[in-house]
Amino acid sequence: MTLKQAVQEVIRQNTAVCTHPPTRFIQMTKEGEVENLERVISGLVLDPEIMVRILTDLEKHKGKPIFIEEFVAMYHFGLANEVIKEATQRTKEIQESRVFYASYR
């Protein structure tokens, strides 16, 4: 899997599961076509305000959305170690939130 494919998968799944496209993510990544996609994704992963949005989206959609952090944690895509480390930490928090919402279904 490439970073571009991961971006497209986040868009595809969230549009289907959450019934609305992740508009801001689409705009920032140009659906994976933005020049220097690695820099854009690294910026998103390292932005502390994004984690707040992730948690809000998980709550709003009962744990269903997926996030680029999960793909970065799994595939790394040749990104900087600090980006991978942050993505891995966020993925743990995302998974913990999903367990919480799954237990209340």
C-alpha atoms as a PDB file:
ATOM      1  CA  MET A   1       0.000   0.000   0.000  1.00  0.00           C
ATOM      2  CA  THR A   2       1.187   3.499  -0.811  1.00  0.00           C
ATOM      3  CA  LEU A   3       0.497   6.671   1.131  1.00  0.00           C
ATOM      4  CA  LYS A   4      -1.743   7.844  -1.697  1.00  0.00           C
ATOM      5  CA  GLN A   5      -3.748   4.605  -1.489  1.00  0.00           C
ATOM      6  CA  ALA A   6      -4.047   5.010   2.276  1.00  0.00           C
ATOM      7  CA  VAL A   7      -5.390   8.548   1.864  1.00  0.00           C
ATOM      8  CA  GLN A   8      -7.912   7.329  -0.688  1.00  0.00           C
ATOM      9  CA  GLU A   9      -8.976   4.486   1.618  1.00  0.00           C
ATOM     10  CA  VAL A  10      -9.561   6.882   4.520  1.00  0.00           C
ATOM     11  CA  ILE A  11     -11.760   8.979   2.230  1.00  0.00           C
ATOM     12  CA  ARG A  12     -13.605   5.966   0.799  1.00  0.00           C
ATOM     13  CA  GLN A  13     -14.333   4.281   4.108  1.00  0.00           C
ATOM     14  CA  ASN A  14     -15.311   7.400   6.001  1.00  0.00           C
ATOM     15  CA  THR A  15     -17.605   8.523   3.224  1.00  0.00           C
ATOM     16  CA  ALA A  16     -19.326   5.117   3.255  1.00  0.00           C
ATOM     17  CA  VAL A  17     -19.403   4.473   7.003  1.00  0.00           C
ATOM     18  CA  CYS A  18     -20.006   7.973   8.298  1.00  0.00           C
ATOM     19  CA  THR A  19     -22.208   9.004   5.357  1.00  0.00           C
ATOM     20  CA  HIS A  20     -20.224  12.150   4.715  1.00  0.00           C
ATOM     21  CA  PRO A  21     -16.839  12.701   3.134  1.00  0.00           C
ATOM     22  CA  PRO A  22     -14.000  14.021   5.308  1.00  0.00           C
ATOM     23  CA  THR A  23     -14.046  17.340   3.463  1.00  0.00           C
ATOM     24  CA  ARG A  24     -11.091  19.023   5.146  1.00  0.00           C
ATOM     25  CA  PHE A  25      -8.889  15.935   4.730  1.00  0.00           C
ATOM     26  CA  ILE A  26      -9.886  15.734   1.052  1.00  0.00           C
ATOM     27  CA  GLN A  27      -9.044  19.407   0.528  1.00  0.00           C
ATOM     28  CA  MET A  28      -5.683  19.184   2.294  1.00  0.00           C
ATOM     29  CA  THR A  29      -4.575  16.018   0.490  1.00  0.00           C
ATOM     30  CA  LYS A  30      -6.348  16.659  -2.824  1.00  0.00           C
ATOM     31  CA  GLU A  31      -7.475  13.022  -2.557  1.00  0.00           C
ATOM     32  CA  GLY A  32      -3.860  11.904  -2.384  1.00  0.00           C
ATOM     33  CA  GLU A  33      -2.785  13.993  -5.377  1.00  0.00           C
ATOM     34  CA  VAL A  34      -1.286  16.950  -3.505  1.00  0.00           C
ATOM     35  CA  GLU A  35       2.337  17.679  -4.260  1.00  0.00           C
ATOM     36  CA  ASN A  36       4.520  16.483  -1.372  1.00  0.00           C
ATOM     37  CA  LEU A  37       1.834  14.286   0.188  1.00  0.00           C
ATOM     38  CA  GLU A  38       4.345  13.061   2.759  1.00  0.00           C
ATOM     39  CA  ARG A  39       4.820  16.601   4.109  1.00  0.00           C
ATOM     40  CA  VAL A  40       1.056  17.198   4.289  1.00  0.00           C
ATOM     41  CA  ILE A  41       0.397  13.930   6.131  1.00  0.00           C
ATOM     42  CA  SER A  42       3.343  14.497   8.471  1.00  0.00           C
ATOM     43  CA  GLY A  43       1.936  17.921   9.306  1.00  0.00           C
ATOM     44  CA  LEU A  44      -1.468  16.447  10.080  1.00  0.00           C
ATOM     45  CA  VAL A  45      -0.050  13.702  12.270  1.00  0.00           C
ATOM     46  CA  LEU A  46       2.113  16.129  14.236  1.00  0.00           C
ATOM     47  CA  ASP A  47      -0.636  18.753  14.675  1.00  0.00           C
ATOM     48  CA  PRO A  48      -1.935  18.434  18.274  1.00  0.00           C
ATOM     49  CA  GLU A  49      -5.287  19.960  17.340  1.00  0.00           C
ATOM     50  CA  ILE A  50      -6.003  17.111  14.925  1.00  0.00           C
ATOM     51  CA  MET A  51      -6.171  14.626  17.800  1.00  0.00           C
ATOM     52  CA  VAL A  52      -9.010  16.654  19.318  1.00  0.00           C
ATOM     53  CA  ARG A  53     -10.885  16.385  16.003  1.00  0.00           C
ATOM     54  CA  ILE A  54     -10.194  12.663  15.829  1.00  0.00           C
ATOM     55  CA  LEU A  55     -11.710  12.102  19.265  1.00  0.00           C
ATOM     56  CA  THR A  56     -14.696  14.291  18.368  1.00  0.00           C
ATOM     57  CA  ASP A  57     -15.288  12.313  15.162  1.00  0.00           C
ATOM     58  CA  LEU A  58     -15.004   9.012  17.017  1.00  0.00           C
ATOM     59  CA  GLU A  59     -17.609  10.178  19.509  1.00  0.00           C
ATOM     60  CA  LYS A  60     -19.914  11.589  16.849  1.00  0.00           C
ATOM     61  CA  HIS A  61     -19.790   8.418  14.748  1.00  0.00           C
ATOM     62  CA  LYS A  62     -19.579   5.891  17.601  1.00  0.00           C
ATOM     63  CA  GLY A  63     -16.016   4.758  16.838  1.00  0.00           C
ATOM     64  CA  LYS A  64     -16.544   4.069  13.133  1.00  0.00           C
ATOM     65  CA  PRO A  65     -14.199   6.477  11.307  1.00  0.00           C
ATOM     66  CA  ILE A  66     -10.703   5.431  10.284  1.00  0.00           C
ATOM     67  CA  PHE A  67      -7.752   7.780  10.247  1.00  0.00           C
ATOM     68  CA  ILE A  68      -4.517   8.188   8.320  1.00  0.00           C
ATOM     69  CA  GLU A  69      -2.618   7.745  11.590  1.00  0.00           C
ATOM     70  CA  GLU A  70      -3.654   4.099  11.608  1.00  0.00           C
ATOM     71  CA  PHE A  71      -2.136   3.528   8.188  1.00  0.00           C
ATOM     72  CA  VAL A  72       1.031   5.440   9.074  1.00  0.00           C
ATOM     73  CA  ALA A  73       1.452   3.356  12.237  1.00  0.00           C
ATOM     74  CA  MET A  74       1.125   0.166  10.204  1.00  0.00           C
ATOM     75  CA  TYR A  75       2.997   0.954   6.985  1.00  0.00           C
ATOM     76  CA  HIS A  76       5.295   3.869   7.961  1.00  0.00           C
ATOM     77  CA  PHE A  77       5.541   5.006   4.282  1.00  0.00           C
ATOM     78  CA  GLY A  78       9.137   6.138   4.823  1.00  0.00           C
ATOM     79  CA  LEU A  79       8.000   9.006   7.059  1.00  0.00           C
ATOM     80  CA  ALA A  80      10.151  10.450   9.849  1.00  0.00           C
ATOM     81  CA  ASN A  81      10.433   8.507  13.093  1.00  0.00           C
ATOM     82  CA  GLU A  82       8.689  11.259  15.060  1.00  0.00           C
ATOM     83  CA  VAL A  83       5.697  11.031  12.709  1.00  0.00           C
ATOM     84  CA  ILE A  84       5.533   7.248  13.030  1.00  0.00           C
ATOM     85  CA  LYS A  85       5.832   7.468  16.817  1.00  0.00           C
ATOM     86  CA  GLU A  86       3.012  10.016  17.051  1.00  0.00           C
ATOM     87  CA  ALA A  87       0.828   8.024  14.631  1.00  0.00           C
ATOM     88  CA  THR A  88       1.386   4.900  16.710  1.00  0.00           C
ATOM     89  CA  GLN A  89       0.411   6.686  19.925  1.00  0.00           C
ATOM     90  CA  ARG A  90      -2.690   8.151  18.312  1.00  0.00           C
ATOM     91  CA  THR A  91      -3.633   4.749  16.925  1.00  0.00           C
ATOM     92  CA  LYS A  92      -3.576   3.329  20.456  1.00  0.00           C
ATOM     93  CA  GLU A  93      -5.911   6.096  21.605  1.00  0.00           C
ATOM     94  CA  ILE A  94      -8.188   5.561  18.600  1.00  0.00           C
ATOM     95  CA  GLN A  95      -8.407   1.832  19.308  1.00  0.00           C
ATOM     96  CA  GLU A  96      -9.157   2.453  22.991  1.00  0.00           C
ATOM     97  CA  SER A  97     -11.991   4.771  21.970  1.00  0.00           C
ATOM     98  CA  ARG A  98     -13.372   2.155  19.611  1.00  0.00           C
ATOM     99  CA  VAL A  99     -13.384  -0.437  22.386  1.00  0.00           C
ATOM    100  CA  PHE A 100     -15.310   2.023  24.543  1.00  0.00           C
ATOM    101  CA  TYR A 101     -17.959   2.636  21.875  1.00  0.00           C
ATOM    102  CA  ALA A 102     -18.200  -1.058  20.998  1.00  0.00           C
ATOM    103  CA  SER A 103     -18.986  -1.900  24.603  1.00  0.00           C
ATOM    104  CA  TYR A 104     -22.021   0.426  24.554  1.00  0.00           C
ATOM    105  CA  ARG A 105     -23.672  -0.836  21.390  1.00  0.00           C
END
